[in-house]
Amino acid sequence: MLDAKGEAIGLVKVDEKNAKEGNTSALFIPAQTIQIFVKQAGISNQPSQTDRLYREGLSLFSKGDFAAAKAKFLEVQNFSPITQPPTH
């Protein structure tokens, strides 16, 4: 769920089975509660190297530095397991 500024404030969970039966009640989980569980699980919510490179590429592209943007996007492609050839 987003606030008026477009920032995430939590998640809404709807029980699909009950929704099909006409029950439209939902559970709201505040972002602070989610952050507590994430921290307890030892998970860090930080952008990955791929995220950082992609964002750098977008920034360069928006500034018109297409050659540098292309280089960043190629770096992203090298990080992606989908674009890597299979190793047999």
N, C-alpha and C. Protein backbone atom coordinates (compact mmCIF):
# COMPACT_ATOMS: atom_id res chain seq x y z
N MET A 1 0.84 -1.14 0.00
CA MET A 1 0.00 0.00 0.00
C MET A 1 0.90 1.23 0.00
N LEU A 2 0.50 2.24 -0.76
CA LEU A 2 1.28 3.47 -0.88
C LEU A 2 0.55 4.63 -0.23
N ASP A 3 1.33 5.58 0.29
CA ASP A 3 0.71 6.78 0.83
C ASP A 3 0.52 7.81 -0.29
N ALA A 4 0.08 9.00 0.06
CA ALA A 4 -0.19 10.04 -0.94
C ALA A 4 1.07 10.47 -1.69
N LYS A 5 2.24 10.24 -1.10
CA LYS A 5 3.51 10.60 -1.75
C LYS A 5 4.04 9.47 -2.63
N GLY A 6 3.35 8.33 -2.62
CA GLY A 6 3.79 7.19 -3.42
C GLY A 6 4.81 6.31 -2.70
N GLU A 7 4.97 6.51 -1.40
CA GLU A 7 5.92 5.71 -0.63
C GLU A 7 5.20 4.53 0.01
N ALA A 8 5.89 3.40 0.05
CA ALA A 8 5.30 2.18 0.62
C ALA A 8 5.11 2.34 2.11
N ILE A 9 3.91 2.04 2.59
CA ILE A 9 3.63 2.10 4.02
C ILE A 9 3.23 0.74 4.57
N GLY A 10 3.10 -0.26 3.71
CA GLY A 10 2.75 -1.60 4.17
C GLY A 10 2.22 -2.46 3.05
N LEU A 11 1.79 -3.65 3.43
CA LEU A 11 1.24 -4.62 2.49
C LEU A 11 -0.20 -4.94 2.87
N VAL A 12 -1.00 -5.23 1.87
CA VAL A 12 -2.36 -5.67 2.10
C VAL A 12 -2.45 -7.12 1.65
N LYS A 13 -2.92 -7.98 2.55
CA LYS A 13 -3.06 -9.40 2.25
C LYS A 13 -4.54 -9.74 2.19
N VAL A 14 -4.96 -10.25 1.05
CA VAL A 14 -6.35 -10.67 0.86
C VAL A 14 -6.36 -12.19 0.74
N ASP A 15 -7.23 -12.84 1.48
CA ASP A 15 -7.38 -14.28 1.40
C ASP A 15 -8.15 -14.60 0.12
N GLU A 16 -7.46 -15.18 -0.86
CA GLU A 16 -8.08 -15.42 -2.18
C GLU A 16 -9.31 -16.32 -2.09
N LYS A 17 -9.24 -17.33 -1.23
CA LYS A 17 -10.38 -18.25 -1.11
C LYS A 17 -11.61 -17.50 -0.60
N ASN A 18 -11.42 -16.70 0.44
CA ASN A 18 -12.55 -15.93 0.99
C ASN A 18 -13.02 -14.87 0.00
N ALA A 19 -12.11 -14.28 -0.75
CA ALA A 19 -12.49 -13.26 -1.73
C ALA A 19 -13.38 -13.86 -2.81
N LYS A 20 -13.09 -15.11 -3.21
CA LYS A 20 -13.92 -15.77 -4.22
C LYS A 20 -15.32 -16.05 -3.69
N GLU A 21 -15.42 -16.18 -2.38
CA GLU A 21 -16.72 -16.44 -1.75
C GLU A 21 -17.44 -15.14 -1.39
N GLY A 22 -16.87 -14.00 -1.76
CA GLY A 22 -17.53 -12.73 -1.51
C GLY A 22 -17.05 -11.99 -0.27
N ASN A 23 -16.17 -12.60 0.52
CA ASN A 23 -15.64 -11.94 1.71
C ASN A 23 -14.47 -11.06 1.27
N THR A 24 -14.63 -9.77 1.41
CA THR A 24 -13.60 -8.85 0.93
C THR A 24 -12.72 -8.29 2.05
N SER A 25 -12.72 -8.93 3.21
CA SER A 25 -11.87 -8.44 4.30
C SER A 25 -10.40 -8.68 3.94
N ALA A 26 -9.55 -7.81 4.46
CA ALA A 26 -8.13 -7.89 4.16
C ALA A 26 -7.33 -7.61 5.42
N LEU A 27 -6.08 -8.02 5.40
CA LEU A 27 -5.17 -7.79 6.51
C LEU A 27 -4.13 -6.78 6.05
N PHE A 28 -3.94 -5.71 6.81
CA PHE A 28 -2.91 -4.71 6.51
C PHE A 28 -1.71 -4.96 7.41
N ILE A 29 -0.53 -5.06 6.81
CA ILE A 29 0.71 -5.26 7.58
C ILE A 29 1.55 -4.00 7.40
N PRO A 30 1.76 -3.22 8.48
CA PRO A 30 2.53 -1.99 8.37
C PRO A 30 3.99 -2.24 7.99
N ALA A 31 4.58 -1.30 7.28
CA ALA A 31 5.97 -1.42 6.84
C ALA A 31 6.91 -1.63 8.02
N GLN A 32 6.63 -0.97 9.16
CA GLN A 32 7.49 -1.12 10.33
C GLN A 32 7.51 -2.56 10.82
N THR A 33 6.38 -3.23 10.78
CA THR A 33 6.30 -4.64 11.19
C THR A 33 7.12 -5.50 10.24
N ILE A 34 7.01 -5.24 8.96
CA ILE A 34 7.78 -6.00 7.96
C ILE A 34 9.27 -5.79 8.20
N GLN A 35 9.68 -4.56 8.48
CA GLN A 35 11.09 -4.26 8.73
C GLN A 35 11.63 -5.02 9.94
N ILE A 36 10.81 -5.18 10.96
CA ILE A 36 11.22 -5.95 12.15
C ILE A 36 11.51 -7.40 11.76
N PHE A 37 10.60 -8.02 11.01
CA PHE A 37 10.80 -9.42 10.59
C PHE A 37 12.00 -9.57 9.67
N VAL A 38 12.19 -8.61 8.78
CA VAL A 38 13.34 -8.66 7.87
C VAL A 38 14.64 -8.59 8.67
N LYS A 39 14.69 -7.68 9.65
CA LYS A 39 15.89 -7.53 10.48
C LYS A 39 16.14 -8.80 11.29
N GLN A 40 15.09 -9.37 11.89
CA GLN A 40 15.24 -10.60 12.68
C GLN A 40 15.74 -11.76 11.82
N ALA A 41 15.40 -11.75 10.54
CA ALA A 41 15.84 -12.81 9.64
C ALA A 41 17.26 -12.59 9.14
N GLY A 42 17.85 -11.43 9.50
CA GLY A 42 19.23 -11.15 9.09
C GLY A 42 19.34 -10.73 7.63
N ILE A 43 18.24 -10.21 7.09
CA ILE A 43 18.22 -9.81 5.68
C ILE A 43 18.49 -8.32 5.59
N SER A 44 19.32 -7.94 4.64
CA SER A 44 19.62 -6.53 4.41
C SER A 44 18.88 -6.06 3.17
N ASN A 45 18.09 -5.01 3.33
CA ASN A 45 17.32 -4.48 2.21
C ASN A 45 18.13 -3.38 1.53
N GLN A 46 19.14 -3.78 0.79
CA GLN A 46 20.03 -2.86 0.10
C GLN A 46 20.03 -3.19 -1.39
N PRO A 47 20.20 -2.17 -2.24
CA PRO A 47 20.30 -2.45 -3.67
C PRO A 47 21.50 -3.34 -3.97
N SER A 48 21.31 -4.27 -4.88
CA SER A 48 22.40 -5.15 -5.28
C SER A 48 23.35 -4.41 -6.23
N GLN A 49 24.45 -5.02 -6.53
CA GLN A 49 25.39 -4.44 -7.50
C GLN A 49 24.69 -4.25 -8.85
N THR A 50 23.87 -5.20 -9.23
CA THR A 50 23.12 -5.10 -10.48
C THR A 50 22.19 -3.89 -10.45
N ASP A 51 21.47 -3.69 -9.34
CA ASP A 51 20.59 -2.53 -9.20
C ASP A 51 21.37 -1.22 -9.33
N ARG A 52 22.51 -1.16 -8.64
CA ARG A 52 23.31 0.07 -8.68
C ARG A 52 23.80 0.37 -10.09
N LEU A 53 24.30 -0.65 -10.78
CA LEU A 53 24.79 -0.44 -12.15
C LEU A 53 23.66 -0.01 -13.08
N TYR A 54 22.50 -0.65 -12.95
CA TYR A 54 21.36 -0.31 -13.80
C TYR A 54 20.92 1.14 -13.56
N ARG A 55 20.85 1.53 -12.31
CA ARG A 55 20.45 2.92 -11.99
C ARG A 55 21.47 3.92 -12.50
N GLU A 56 22.76 3.56 -12.40
CA GLU A 56 23.80 4.43 -12.96
C GLU A 56 23.60 4.56 -14.47
N GLY A 57 23.30 3.44 -15.12
CA GLY A 57 23.06 3.46 -16.57
C GLY A 57 21.87 4.34 -16.93
N LEU A 58 20.79 4.23 -16.16
CA LEU A 58 19.62 5.08 -16.41
C LEU A 58 19.96 6.56 -16.24
N SER A 59 20.73 6.86 -15.21
CA SER A 59 21.11 8.25 -14.97
C SER A 59 21.96 8.79 -16.12
N LEU A 60 22.92 8.00 -16.56
CA LEU A 60 23.76 8.42 -17.68
C LEU A 60 22.94 8.58 -18.95
N PHE A 61 22.01 7.66 -19.18
CA PHE A 61 21.16 7.73 -20.36
C PHE A 61 20.33 9.01 -20.36
N SER A 62 19.75 9.32 -19.18
CA SER A 62 18.90 10.51 -19.09
C SER A 62 19.70 11.80 -19.27
N LYS A 63 21.01 11.74 -19.03
CA LYS A 63 21.88 12.90 -19.24
C LYS A 63 22.41 12.96 -20.67
N GLY A 64 22.06 11.95 -21.48
CA GLY A 64 22.50 11.94 -22.87
C GLY A 64 23.85 11.29 -23.10
N ASP A 65 24.44 10.71 -22.07
CA ASP A 65 25.73 10.04 -22.20
C ASP A 65 25.47 8.58 -22.57
N PHE A 66 25.09 8.38 -23.84
CA PHE A 66 24.63 7.07 -24.28
C PHE A 66 25.72 6.00 -24.30
N ALA A 67 26.95 6.40 -24.62
CA ALA A 67 28.05 5.43 -24.65
C ALA A 67 28.33 4.90 -23.24
N ALA A 68 28.38 5.79 -22.27
CA ALA A 68 28.63 5.37 -20.89
C ALA A 68 27.45 4.56 -20.36
N ALA A 69 26.22 4.97 -20.73
CA ALA A 69 25.04 4.23 -20.30
C ALA A 69 25.07 2.81 -20.86
N LYS A 70 25.44 2.69 -22.13
CA LYS A 70 25.52 1.37 -22.76
C LYS A 70 26.53 0.49 -22.02
N ALA A 71 27.65 1.08 -21.65
CA ALA A 71 28.67 0.31 -20.92
C ALA A 71 28.12 -0.20 -19.59
N LYS A 72 27.36 0.63 -18.88
CA LYS A 72 26.75 0.20 -17.61
C LYS A 72 25.74 -0.91 -17.83
N PHE A 73 24.90 -0.75 -18.88
CA PHE A 73 23.90 -1.78 -19.16
C PHE A 73 24.56 -3.10 -19.55
N LEU A 74 25.68 -3.03 -20.24
CA LEU A 74 26.41 -4.26 -20.57
C LEU A 74 26.97 -4.91 -19.31
N GLU A 75 27.42 -4.09 -18.36
CA GLU A 75 27.87 -4.64 -17.08
C GLU A 75 26.72 -5.36 -16.38
N VAL A 76 25.52 -4.75 -16.41
CA VAL A 76 24.35 -5.37 -15.81
C VAL A 76 24.09 -6.71 -16.48
N GLN A 77 24.17 -6.73 -17.78
CA GLN A 77 23.94 -7.96 -18.53
C GLN A 77 24.92 -9.05 -18.10
N ASN A 78 26.15 -8.68 -17.82
CA ASN A 78 27.15 -9.66 -17.40
C ASN A 78 26.86 -10.23 -16.02
N PHE A 79 26.15 -9.47 -15.17
CA PHE A 79 25.79 -9.94 -13.84
C PHE A 79 24.58 -10.86 -13.86
N SER A 80 23.76 -10.76 -14.88
CA SER A 80 22.50 -11.49 -14.92
C SER A 80 22.71 -12.96 -15.27
N PRO A 81 22.25 -13.88 -14.41
CA PRO A 81 22.39 -15.31 -14.71
C PRO A 81 21.59 -15.72 -15.94
N ILE A 82 20.57 -14.95 -16.28
CA ILE A 82 19.74 -15.29 -17.44
C ILE A 82 20.53 -15.12 -18.74
N THR A 83 21.43 -14.14 -18.76
CA THR A 83 22.18 -13.86 -19.99
C THR A 83 23.48 -14.66 -20.08
N GLN A 84 23.79 -15.42 -19.05
CA GLN A 84 25.02 -16.21 -19.07
C GLN A 84 24.77 -17.54 -19.80
N PRO A 85 25.72 -17.94 -20.61
CA PRO A 85 25.54 -19.25 -21.27
C PRO A 85 25.61 -20.37 -20.23
N PRO A 86 24.86 -21.44 -20.45
CA PRO A 86 24.88 -22.55 -19.49
C PRO A 86 26.26 -23.19 -19.43
N THR A 87 26.64 -23.63 -18.25
CA THR A 87 27.92 -24.32 -18.09
C THR A 87 27.63 -25.80 -17.88
N HIS A 88 28.04 -26.61 -18.83
CA HIS A 88 27.80 -28.06 -18.74
C HIS A 88 29.10 -28.80 -18.65
